[in-house]
Amino acid sequence: ARRIFNQLSARIAVSEAAAWTGRRWFGGDYTIVPNGVDVEAAHTGPKTPSEEMRLLFVGRAEERKGLPVLLAAFQALVELVPARLTVIGAEPDEVSRGIADPDVLEHIEVRGKVSDEQLWAALAEADVLVAPSLAGESFGMVLIEAMASGTPPVASAIAGYSDVVTNGVDGVLVPPADPQALGEELLSLWHEPERRVALGE
C-alpha cells in the first residue's frame, strides 16, 4: 500500500484526524478537503413548535457510537423536562437493552434504517442532534447534515467532530463518555430555546 501511495500526485483527507491517520500509516502530506452535503436536500424553514424537546440520534448501536451514553443521559433528562428521543439506525431491542426503566421507552421512538428523505425530515424536525461517539470518527457527516437542516448538534469533543463543530457557535461539544455532562448540556438547551435557535442559524 505504501508503494501505491508513493505513486499518487496528491493526497487528500476529510479532516485533520483523517490526515493524521494517513500520515501515521502511509506517510506523506495531505490536503484537507472536508465532506459536504447537498444543501438543496435539506428541509429549511422554522421548526414546528413542540411542547417536548425533540432529540435525534443517528447511528448504529455499536459501542463507539455512544448510544448507551445518550440513553443514560436521556433517562435522567426525561425525569426533569418533557423530552422525546428518536433513534435512527438502531433496532428496538438494541435500545431497550440500555433502558432500566420501561416507562422511559414511552418517550423513545426507534425507527431503524430509513430512507434519505426520511432522514432529512427527521433532522429538520429535531431540536437537537445528539452525537455521543466515543472515538473513531474521521469527520461526522451527520453533524453537517443536521447543520444544513438548522438543527444544532451536541457532540462529543473528539477528533473528527471537533474539526466540524465550533463549540458554542454552530453546536456544542461535551466530554466523551460522560452521561452527566451530556444530560446537563441538554437540560441547559431546554431552558434556553433562544440559544438552540441561534446555534441552528
C-alpha atoms as a PDB file:
ATOM      1  CA  ALA A   1       0.000   0.000   0.000  1.00  0.00           C
ATOM      2  CA  ARG A   2       2.851   2.393   0.792  1.00  0.00           C
ATOM      3  CA  ARG A   3       4.313   1.826  -2.702  1.00  0.00           C
ATOM      4  CA  ILE A   4       0.951   2.657  -4.287  1.00  0.00           C
ATOM      5  CA  PHE A   5       0.558   5.758  -2.114  1.00  0.00           C
ATOM      6  CA  ASN A   6       4.011   6.941  -3.192  1.00  0.00           C
ATOM      7  CA  GLN A   7       2.805   6.985  -6.808  1.00  0.00           C
ATOM      8  CA  LEU A   8       0.000   9.446  -6.058  1.00  0.00           C
ATOM      9  CA  SER A   9       0.300  13.008  -7.289  1.00  0.00           C
ATOM     10  CA  ALA A  10      -1.779  14.282  -4.358  1.00  0.00           C
ATOM     11  CA  ARG A  11      -3.295  13.010  -1.136  1.00  0.00           C
ATOM     12  CA  ILE A  12      -6.472  14.353   0.458  1.00  0.00           C
ATOM     13  CA  ALA A  13      -8.255  13.700   3.745  1.00  0.00           C
ATOM     14  CA  VAL A  14     -11.647  14.833   5.024  1.00  0.00           C
ATOM     15  CA  SER A  15     -10.300  16.178   8.322  1.00  0.00           C
ATOM     16  CA  GLU A  16      -7.126  16.676  10.315  1.00  0.00           C
ATOM     17  CA  ALA A  17      -7.992  13.483  12.218  1.00  0.00           C
ATOM     18  CA  ALA A  18      -8.141  11.528   8.950  1.00  0.00           C
ATOM     19  CA  ALA A  19      -4.908  13.154   7.728  1.00  0.00           C
ATOM     20  CA  TRP A  20      -3.172  12.150  10.970  1.00  0.00           C
ATOM     21  CA  THR A  21      -4.205   8.529  10.395  1.00  0.00           C
ATOM     22  CA  GLY A  22      -2.940   8.675   6.806  1.00  0.00           C
ATOM     23  CA  ARG A  23       0.405  10.135   7.863  1.00  0.00           C
ATOM     24  CA  ARG A  24       0.739   7.564  10.629  1.00  0.00           C
ATOM     25  CA  TRP A  25       0.297   4.558   8.341  1.00  0.00           C
ATOM     26  CA  PHE A  26       1.458   5.796   4.942  1.00  0.00           C
ATOM     27  CA  GLY A  27       3.438   8.994   5.481  1.00  0.00           C
ATOM     28  CA  GLY A  28       3.242  11.939   3.107  1.00  0.00           C
ATOM     29  CA  ASP A  29       1.409  15.260   3.137  1.00  0.00           C
ATOM     30  CA  TYR A  30      -2.374  15.611   2.928  1.00  0.00           C
ATOM     31  CA  THR A  31      -4.621  18.435   1.799  1.00  0.00           C
ATOM     32  CA  ILE A  32      -7.801  18.748   3.882  1.00  0.00           C
ATOM     33  CA  VAL A  33     -10.944  18.685   1.716  1.00  0.00           C
ATOM     34  CA  PRO A  34     -13.938  18.372   4.063  1.00  0.00           C
ATOM     35  CA  ASN A  35     -17.038  16.389   3.198  1.00  0.00           C
ATOM     36  CA  GLY A  36     -20.064  18.324   2.023  1.00  0.00           C
ATOM     37  CA  VAL A  37     -23.808  17.872   1.790  1.00  0.00           C
ATOM     38  CA  ASP A  38     -26.409  18.651  -0.827  1.00  0.00           C
ATOM     39  CA  VAL A  39     -27.974  21.636   0.896  1.00  0.00           C
ATOM     40  CA  GLU A  40     -30.854  21.530  -1.588  1.00  0.00           C
ATOM     41  CA  ALA A  41     -31.932  18.232   0.002  1.00  0.00           C
ATOM     42  CA  ALA A  42     -32.151  19.757   3.470  1.00  0.00           C
ATOM     43  CA  HIS A  43     -35.520  20.893   4.786  1.00  0.00           C
ATOM     44  CA  THR A  44     -35.362  24.556   5.752  1.00  0.00           C
ATOM     45  CA  GLY A  45     -37.672  26.989   7.463  1.00  0.00           C
ATOM     46  CA  PRO A  46     -38.840  27.345  11.052  1.00  0.00           C
ATOM     47  CA  LYS A  47     -39.351  24.219  13.125  1.00  0.00           C
ATOM     48  CA  THR A  48     -42.823  23.067  14.061  1.00  0.00           C
ATOM     49  CA  PRO A  49     -43.434  24.119  17.680  1.00  0.00           C
ATOM     50  CA  SER A  50     -43.451  21.328  20.257  1.00  0.00           C
ATOM     51  CA  GLU A  51     -44.005  21.078  23.993  1.00  0.00           C
ATOM     52  CA  GLU A  52     -41.247  18.474  24.145  1.00  0.00           C
ATOM     53  CA  MET A  53     -37.533  18.723  23.482  1.00  0.00           C
ATOM     54  CA  ARG A  54     -37.015  16.579  20.383  1.00  0.00           C
ATOM     55  CA  LEU A  55     -33.668  14.770  20.400  1.00  0.00           C
ATOM     56  CA  LEU A  56     -32.328  12.758  17.473  1.00  0.00           C
ATOM     57  CA  PHE A  57     -29.627  10.077  17.381  1.00  0.00           C
ATOM     58  CA  VAL A  58     -28.423   8.719  14.048  1.00  0.00           C
ATOM     59  CA  GLY A  59     -26.102   5.722  14.060  1.00  0.00           C
ATOM     60  CA  ARG A  60     -25.685   2.036  14.622  1.00  0.00           C
ATOM     61  CA  ALA A  61     -25.820   0.528  18.103  1.00  0.00           C
ATOM     62  CA  GLU A  62     -22.100  -0.221  18.131  1.00  0.00           C
ATOM     63  CA  GLU A  63     -20.174   0.833  21.221  1.00  0.00           C
ATOM     64  CA  ARG A  64     -18.076   3.570  19.621  1.00  0.00           C
ATOM     65  CA  LYS A  65     -21.216   5.480  18.552  1.00  0.00           C
ATOM     66  CA  GLY A  66     -22.007   6.076  22.245  1.00  0.00           C
ATOM     67  CA  LEU A  67     -25.718   5.207  22.270  1.00  0.00           C
ATOM     68  CA  PRO A  68     -25.519   3.863  25.884  1.00  0.00           C
ATOM     69  CA  VAL A  69     -24.111   7.241  26.966  1.00  0.00           C
ATOM     70  CA  LEU A  70     -27.084   9.016  25.402  1.00  0.00           C
ATOM     71  CA  LEU A  71     -29.594   6.568  26.894  1.00  0.00           C
ATOM     72  CA  ALA A  72     -28.150   7.112  30.382  1.00  0.00           C
ATOM     73  CA  ALA A  73     -28.343  10.888  29.934  1.00  0.00           C
ATOM     74  CA  PHE A  74     -31.847  10.694  28.478  1.00  0.00           C
ATOM     75  CA  GLN A  75     -33.211   8.627  31.383  1.00  0.00           C
ATOM     76  CA  ALA A  76     -32.162  11.412  33.761  1.00  0.00           C
ATOM     77  CA  LEU A  77     -33.321  14.203  31.423  1.00  0.00           C
ATOM     78  CA  VAL A  78     -36.825  12.845  30.904  1.00  0.00           C
ATOM     79  CA  GLU A  79     -37.423  12.931  34.656  1.00  0.00           C
ATOM     80  CA  LEU A  80     -36.880  16.695  34.641  1.00  0.00           C
ATOM     81  CA  VAL A  81     -38.281  18.004  31.340  1.00  0.00           C
ATOM     82  CA  PRO A  82     -40.671  16.829  28.625  1.00  0.00           C
ATOM     83  CA  ALA A  83     -38.420  15.172  26.069  1.00  0.00           C
ATOM     84  CA  ARG A  84     -38.618  12.697  23.205  1.00  0.00           C
ATOM     85  CA  LEU A  85     -35.748  10.750  21.641  1.00  0.00           C
ATOM     86  CA  THR A  86     -35.845   9.444  18.080  1.00  0.00           C
ATOM     87  CA  VAL A  87     -33.249   6.796  17.236  1.00  0.00           C
ATOM     88  CA  ILE A  88     -32.406   6.119  13.596  1.00  0.00           C
ATOM     89  CA  GLY A  89     -30.068   3.284  12.619  1.00  0.00           C
ATOM     90  CA  ALA A  90     -30.541   1.004  15.636  1.00  0.00           C
ATOM     91  CA  GLU A  91     -33.205  -1.622  16.296  1.00  0.00           C
ATOM     92  CA  PRO A  92     -35.770  -1.590  19.151  1.00  0.00           C
ATOM     93  CA  ASP A  93     -34.175  -4.466  21.093  1.00  0.00           C
ATOM     94  CA  GLU A  94     -30.764  -2.760  20.908  1.00  0.00           C
ATOM     95  CA  VAL A  95     -32.246   0.345  22.526  1.00  0.00           C
ATOM     96  CA  SER A  96     -34.451  -1.362  25.106  1.00  0.00           C
ATOM     97  CA  ARG A  97     -31.436  -3.262  26.482  1.00  0.00           C
ATOM     98  CA  GLY A  98     -29.971   0.063  27.599  1.00  0.00           C
ATOM     99  CA  ILE A  99     -33.075   1.300  29.438  1.00  0.00           C
ATOM    100  CA  ALA A 100     -33.559   0.347  33.090  1.00  0.00           C
ATOM    101  CA  ASP A 101     -36.998   1.970  33.483  1.00  0.00           C
ATOM    102  CA  PRO A 102     -39.564   0.617  30.995  1.00  0.00           C
ATOM    103  CA  ASP A 103     -41.631   3.817  31.331  1.00  0.00           C
ATOM    104  CA  VAL A 104     -38.781   5.705  29.652  1.00  0.00           C
ATOM    105  CA  LEU A 105     -39.329   3.652  26.489  1.00  0.00           C
ATOM    106  CA  GLU A 106     -42.614   5.504  26.001  1.00  0.00           C
ATOM    107  CA  HIS A 107     -40.509   8.607  25.274  1.00  0.00           C
ATOM    108  CA  ILE A 108     -38.302   6.877  22.685  1.00  0.00           C
ATOM    109  CA  GLU A 109     -39.122   6.148  19.060  1.00  0.00           C
ATOM    110  CA  VAL A 110     -36.813   3.669  17.328  1.00  0.00           C
ATOM    111  CA  ARG A 111     -37.039   3.790  13.539  1.00  0.00           C
ATOM    112  CA  GLY A 112     -34.202   1.502  12.427  1.00  0.00           C
ATOM    113  CA  LYS A 113     -32.981   2.141   8.891  1.00  0.00           C
ATOM    114  CA  VAL A 114     -34.766   4.896   6.983  1.00  0.00           C
ATOM    115  CA  SER A 115     -34.637   6.428   3.515  1.00  0.00           C
ATOM    116  CA  ASP A 116     -32.613   9.555   2.775  1.00  0.00           C
ATOM    117  CA  GLU A 117     -35.809  11.596   2.565  1.00  0.00           C
ATOM    118  CA  GLN A 118     -36.986  10.309   5.957  1.00  0.00           C
ATOM    119  CA  LEU A 119     -33.576  11.117   7.462  1.00  0.00           C
ATOM    120  CA  TRP A 120     -33.664  14.698   6.143  1.00  0.00           C
ATOM    121  CA  ALA A 121     -37.196  15.105   7.542  1.00  0.00           C
ATOM    122  CA  ALA A 122     -36.102  13.803  10.965  1.00  0.00           C
ATOM    123  CA  LEU A 123     -33.088  16.129  11.002  1.00  0.00           C
ATOM    124  CA  ALA A 124     -35.311  19.122  10.265  1.00  0.00           C
ATOM    125  CA  GLU A 125     -37.909  18.136  12.873  1.00  0.00           C
ATOM    126  CA  ALA A 126     -35.430  17.644  15.739  1.00  0.00           C
ATOM    127  CA  ASP A 127     -34.486  20.401  18.146  1.00  0.00           C
ATOM    128  CA  VAL A 128     -31.047  18.870  18.731  1.00  0.00           C
ATOM    129  CA  LEU A 129     -28.957  16.146  17.091  1.00  0.00           C
ATOM    130  CA  VAL A 130     -27.037  14.181  19.722  1.00  0.00           C
ATOM    131  CA  ALA A 131     -23.792  12.549  18.589  1.00  0.00           C
ATOM    132  CA  PRO A 132     -22.148  10.975  21.675  1.00  0.00           C
ATOM    133  CA  SER A 133     -19.478   8.927  19.852  1.00  0.00           C
ATOM    134  CA  LEU A 134     -16.548   7.773  21.951  1.00  0.00           C
ATOM    135  CA  ALA A 135     -13.828   7.735  19.249  1.00  0.00           C
ATOM    136  CA  GLY A 136     -13.051   6.665  15.718  1.00  0.00           C
ATOM    137  CA  GLU A 137     -14.868   9.432  13.813  1.00  0.00           C
ATOM    138  CA  SER A 138     -12.878  10.962  10.973  1.00  0.00           C
ATOM    139  CA  PHE A 139     -15.441  13.657  10.159  1.00  0.00           C
ATOM    140  CA  GLY A 140     -19.054  13.343  11.327  1.00  0.00           C
ATOM    141  CA  MET A 141     -21.196  13.571   8.203  1.00  0.00           C
ATOM    142  CA  VAL A 142     -24.479  13.606  10.136  1.00  0.00           C
ATOM    143  CA  LEU A 143     -23.300  16.711  12.008  1.00  0.00           C
ATOM    144  CA  ILE A 144     -23.195  18.833   8.863  1.00  0.00           C
ATOM    145  CA  GLU A 145     -26.432  17.291   7.629  1.00  0.00           C
ATOM    146  CA  ALA A 146     -28.016  18.488  10.878  1.00  0.00           C
ATOM    147  CA  MET A 147     -26.414  21.914  10.485  1.00  0.00           C
ATOM    148  CA  ALA A 148     -27.775  22.172   6.931  1.00  0.00           C
ATOM    149  CA  SER A 149     -31.226  21.483   8.423  1.00  0.00           C
ATOM    150  CA  GLY A 150     -30.887  24.207  11.062  1.00  0.00           C
ATOM    151  CA  THR A 151     -30.535  21.641  13.854  1.00  0.00           C
ATOM    152  CA  PRO A 152     -27.610  22.181  16.225  1.00  0.00           C
ATOM    153  CA  PRO A 153     -25.509  19.145  17.114  1.00  0.00           C
ATOM    154  CA  VAL A 154     -24.497  18.293  20.651  1.00  0.00           C
ATOM    155  CA  ALA A 155     -21.475  16.102  20.040  1.00  0.00           C
ATOM    156  CA  SER A 156     -18.543  14.554  21.842  1.00  0.00           C
ATOM    157  CA  ALA A 157     -15.348  16.592  21.861  1.00  0.00           C
ATOM    158  CA  ILE A 158     -13.352  14.022  19.897  1.00  0.00           C
ATOM    159  CA  ALA A 159     -11.069  14.225  16.890  1.00  0.00           C
ATOM    160  CA  GLY A 160     -13.159  14.489  13.748  1.00  0.00           C
ATOM    161  CA  TYR A 161     -16.164  16.054  15.460  1.00  0.00           C
ATOM    162  CA  SER A 162     -14.042  18.905  16.816  1.00  0.00           C
ATOM    163  CA  ASP A 163     -12.979  19.622  13.224  1.00  0.00           C
ATOM    164  CA  VAL A 164     -16.640  20.122  12.271  1.00  0.00           C
ATOM    165  CA  VAL A 165     -18.276  21.839  15.265  1.00  0.00           C
ATOM    166  CA  THR A 166     -17.173  25.219  16.593  1.00  0.00           C
ATOM    167  CA  ASN A 167     -18.225  24.913  20.216  1.00  0.00           C
ATOM    168  CA  GLY A 168     -20.847  27.485  21.169  1.00  0.00           C
ATOM    169  CA  VAL A 169     -21.144  28.819  17.606  1.00  0.00           C
ATOM    170  CA  ASP A 170     -22.834  26.146  15.476  1.00  0.00           C
ATOM    171  CA  GLY A 171     -23.113  23.353  18.030  1.00  0.00           C
ATOM    172  CA  VAL A 172     -21.941  22.195  21.437  1.00  0.00           C
ATOM    173  CA  LEU A 173     -19.072  19.871  22.324  1.00  0.00           C
ATOM    174  CA  VAL A 174     -19.176  17.811  25.522  1.00  0.00           C
ATOM    175  CA  PRO A 175     -16.669  15.407  27.089  1.00  0.00           C
ATOM    176  CA  PRO A 176     -16.974  11.905  25.592  1.00  0.00           C
ATOM    177  CA  ALA A 177     -18.325   9.009  27.676  1.00  0.00           C
ATOM    178  CA  ASP A 178     -19.830  11.408  30.247  1.00  0.00           C
ATOM    179  CA  PRO A 179     -23.638  10.967  30.522  1.00  0.00           C
ATOM    180  CA  GLN A 180     -23.876  13.582  33.269  1.00  0.00           C
ATOM    181  CA  ALA A 181     -22.154  16.293  31.209  1.00  0.00           C
ATOM    182  CA  LEU A 182     -24.299  15.394  28.191  1.00  0.00           C
ATOM    183  CA  GLY A 183     -27.502  15.445  30.228  1.00  0.00           C
ATOM    184  CA  GLU A 184     -26.634  18.778  31.826  1.00  0.00           C
ATOM    185  CA  GLU A 185     -25.987  20.356  28.425  1.00  0.00           C
ATOM    186  CA  LEU A 186     -29.274  19.046  27.031  1.00  0.00           C
ATOM    187  CA  LEU A 187     -31.095  20.358  30.106  1.00  0.00           C
ATOM    188  CA  SER A 188     -29.450  23.739  29.626  1.00  0.00           C
ATOM    189  CA  LEU A 189     -30.549  23.837  25.977  1.00  0.00           C
ATOM    190  CA  TRP A 190     -34.129  23.051  27.011  1.00  0.00           C
ATOM    191  CA  HIS A 191     -34.122  26.068  29.316  1.00  0.00           C
ATOM    192  CA  GLU A 192     -32.506  28.270  26.637  1.00  0.00           C
ATOM    193  CA  PRO A 193     -34.574  27.835  23.479  1.00  0.00           C
ATOM    194  CA  GLU A 194     -33.177  31.062  22.052  1.00  0.00           C
ATOM    195  CA  ARG A 195     -29.672  29.560  22.239  1.00  0.00           C
ATOM    196  CA  ARG A 196     -30.873  26.489  20.351  1.00  0.00           C
ATOM    197  CA  VAL A 197     -32.256  28.736  17.616  1.00  0.00           C
ATOM    198  CA  ALA A 198     -29.050  30.788  17.454  1.00  0.00           C
ATOM    199  CA  LEU A 199     -26.904  27.654  17.174  1.00  0.00           C
ATOM    200  CA  GLY A 200     -29.180  26.319  14.448  1.00  0.00           C
ATOM    201  CA  GLU A 201     -28.963  29.542  12.473  1.00  0.00           C
END
